[in-house]
Protein backbone atom coordinates (compact mmCIF):
# COMPACT_ATOMS: atom_id res chain seq x y z
CA UNK A 1 164.83 57.88 57.94
CA UNK A 2 164.27 61.59 59.04
CA UNK A 3 160.82 62.76 60.13
CA UNK A 4 160.44 66.24 59.52
CA UNK A 5 157.37 67.94 61.40
CA UNK A 6 155.53 70.15 59.13
CA UNK A 7 152.89 72.41 60.59
CA UNK A 8 149.87 73.30 58.76
CA UNK A 9 150.20 76.96 57.78
CA UNK A 10 146.51 77.35 57.50
CA UNK A 11 146.35 76.35 60.88
CA UNK A 12 149.22 78.29 62.11
CA UNK A 13 147.66 81.60 60.26
CA UNK A 14 144.27 80.57 61.59
CA UNK A 15 145.72 80.57 65.44
CA UNK A 16 147.51 83.94 64.68
CA UNK A 17 144.27 85.61 63.44
CA UNK A 18 142.56 84.47 66.55
CA UNK A 19 145.33 85.69 68.84
CA UNK A 20 145.14 89.11 66.87
CA UNK A 21 141.41 89.27 67.19
CA UNK A 22 141.86 88.61 71.25
CA UNK A 23 144.47 91.31 71.52
CA UNK A 24 142.63 93.58 69.52
CA UNK A 25 139.58 93.28 71.54
CA UNK A 26 141.23 93.47 74.46
CA UNK A 27 143.08 96.91 73.52
CA UNK A 28 139.78 98.03 72.12
CA UNK A 29 138.08 97.72 75.62
CA UNK A 30 140.77 99.54 77.25
CA UNK A 31 140.44 102.17 74.80
CA UNK A 32 136.81 102.34 75.60
CA UNK A 33 137.35 102.38 79.23
CA UNK A 34 140.09 105.24 78.80
CA UNK A 35 137.27 107.28 76.69
CA UNK A 36 134.66 106.70 79.63
CA UNK A 37 137.35 108.17 81.95
CA UNK A 38 138.08 110.96 79.84
CA UNK A 39 134.52 111.94 79.64
CA UNK A 40 134.17 111.56 83.44
CA UNK A 41 136.92 113.81 84.15
CA UNK A 42 135.54 116.45 81.47
CA UNK A 43 132.06 116.57 83.53
CA UNK A 44 133.97 116.93 86.69
CA UNK A 45 136.14 119.85 85.23
CA UNK A 46 133.10 121.40 84.05
CA UNK A 47 131.26 121.05 87.49
CA UNK A 48 134.33 122.39 89.25
CA UNK A 49 134.54 125.36 86.98
CA UNK A 50 130.93 126.26 87.40
CA UNK A 51 131.26 126.20 91.20
CA UNK A 52 134.39 128.09 91.09
CA UNK A 53 132.61 130.72 88.79
CA UNK A 54 129.44 130.94 91.14
CA UNK A 55 131.78 131.34 94.33
CA UNK A 56 133.83 134.25 92.29
CA UNK A 57 130.63 136.24 91.55
CA UNK A 58 129.45 135.83 95.08
CA UNK A 59 132.56 137.06 96.26
CA UNK A 60 132.13 140.16 94.02
CA UNK A 61 128.62 140.77 95.09
CA UNK A 62 129.73 140.56 98.84
CA UNK A 63 132.71 142.87 98.21
CA UNK A 64 130.07 145.57 97.16
CA UNK A 65 128.05 145.39 100.44
CA UNK A 66 128.67 147.70 103.40
CA UNK A 67 130.24 146.43 106.32
CA UNK A 68 127.07 146.40 108.88
CA UNK A 69 125.02 144.66 106.00
CA UNK A 70 123.18 141.49 107.26
CA UNK A 71 124.04 138.41 105.39
CA UNK A 72 122.33 135.02 104.94
CA UNK A 73 123.52 131.44 104.50
CA UNK A 74 121.46 128.68 103.21
CA UNK A 75 121.78 125.81 105.29
CA UNK A 76 119.32 122.89 103.79
CA UNK A 77 115.88 124.53 103.67
CA UNK A 78 116.46 127.42 105.93
CA UNK A 79 118.79 130.66 106.04
CA UNK A 80 121.21 131.60 109.08
CA UNK A 81 122.47 134.95 109.82
CA UNK A 82 126.12 134.74 109.04
CA UNK A 83 128.78 137.43 109.30
CA UNK A 84 129.93 138.82 105.97
CA UNK A 85 133.44 137.98 106.70
CA UNK A 86 132.57 134.36 107.53
CA UNK A 87 131.02 133.79 104.15
CA UNK A 88 134.07 135.62 102.47
CA UNK A 89 136.23 133.29 104.04
CA UNK A 90 134.49 129.94 103.47
CA UNK A 91 134.13 131.06 99.62
CA UNK A 92 137.78 132.11 99.70
CA UNK A 93 138.65 128.56 100.81
CA UNK A 94 136.23 127.01 98.32
CA UNK A 95 137.82 129.01 95.53
CA UNK A 96 141.22 127.64 96.57
CA UNK A 97 139.98 123.93 96.71
CA UNK A 98 138.34 123.89 93.56
CA UNK A 99 141.53 125.52 92.04
CA UNK A 100 143.70 122.66 93.56
CA UNK A 101 141.06 120.28 92.22
CA UNK A 102 141.02 121.81 88.68
CA UNK A 103 144.99 121.51 88.63
CA UNK A 104 144.65 117.74 89.56
CA UNK A 105 142.02 117.15 87.02
CA UNK A 106 144.24 118.53 84.48
CA UNK A 107 147.36 116.36 85.60
CA UNK A 108 145.10 113.18 85.52
CA UNK A 109 143.77 114.26 82.25
CA UNK A 110 147.15 114.54 80.73
CA UNK A 111 147.97 111.22 82.06
CA UNK A 112 144.68 109.59 80.53
CA UNK A 113 145.16 111.16 77.31
CA UNK A 114 148.77 109.61 77.24
CA UNK A 115 147.20 106.49 77.92
CA UNK A 116 144.60 106.81 75.25
CA UNK A 117 147.27 107.58 72.65
CA UNK A 118 149.40 104.53 73.61
CA UNK A 119 146.00 102.25 73.32
CA UNK A 120 145.37 103.83 69.95
CA UNK A 121 149.01 103.22 68.61
CA UNK A 122 148.62 99.71 69.96
CA UNK A 123 145.23 99.10 67.94
CA UNK A 124 147.02 100.31 64.67
CA UNK A 125 150.07 98.07 65.45
CA UNK A 126 147.71 95.26 65.84
CA UNK A 127 145.81 96.29 62.56
CA UNK A 128 149.18 96.60 60.52
CA UNK A 129 150.27 93.23 61.80
CA UNK A 130 146.93 91.61 60.71
CA UNK A 131 147.40 92.84 57.45
CA UNK A 132 150.80 91.56 56.78
CA UNK A 133 149.48 88.20 57.47
């Protein structure tokens, strides 16, 4: 006699559905985390752009002042008399740093959006595979 072991197809389908649900939940949680990263990155970009714009406006205002004009820099709750050139140097350095940061944020955003697209396609694939069974 030959014994043929036949698996219960309903049990196999149930196992597959359970595995697909687990895979779907895992990919969905990764997608949600990626969306949070994108949101945080967008807020960092907005803050950096705002700080850059403010520094450029301040540089524009400083350029209209005469050379002998007394300028002040706020330090905590007090103001210190600082030469105009020092403030301009600090603001130019700040603008350069913010430009570098914005470039880094753009690169990081491209990478995160690529991950997001991969997760979205994985979710579609899981949904297609689950509809086939």
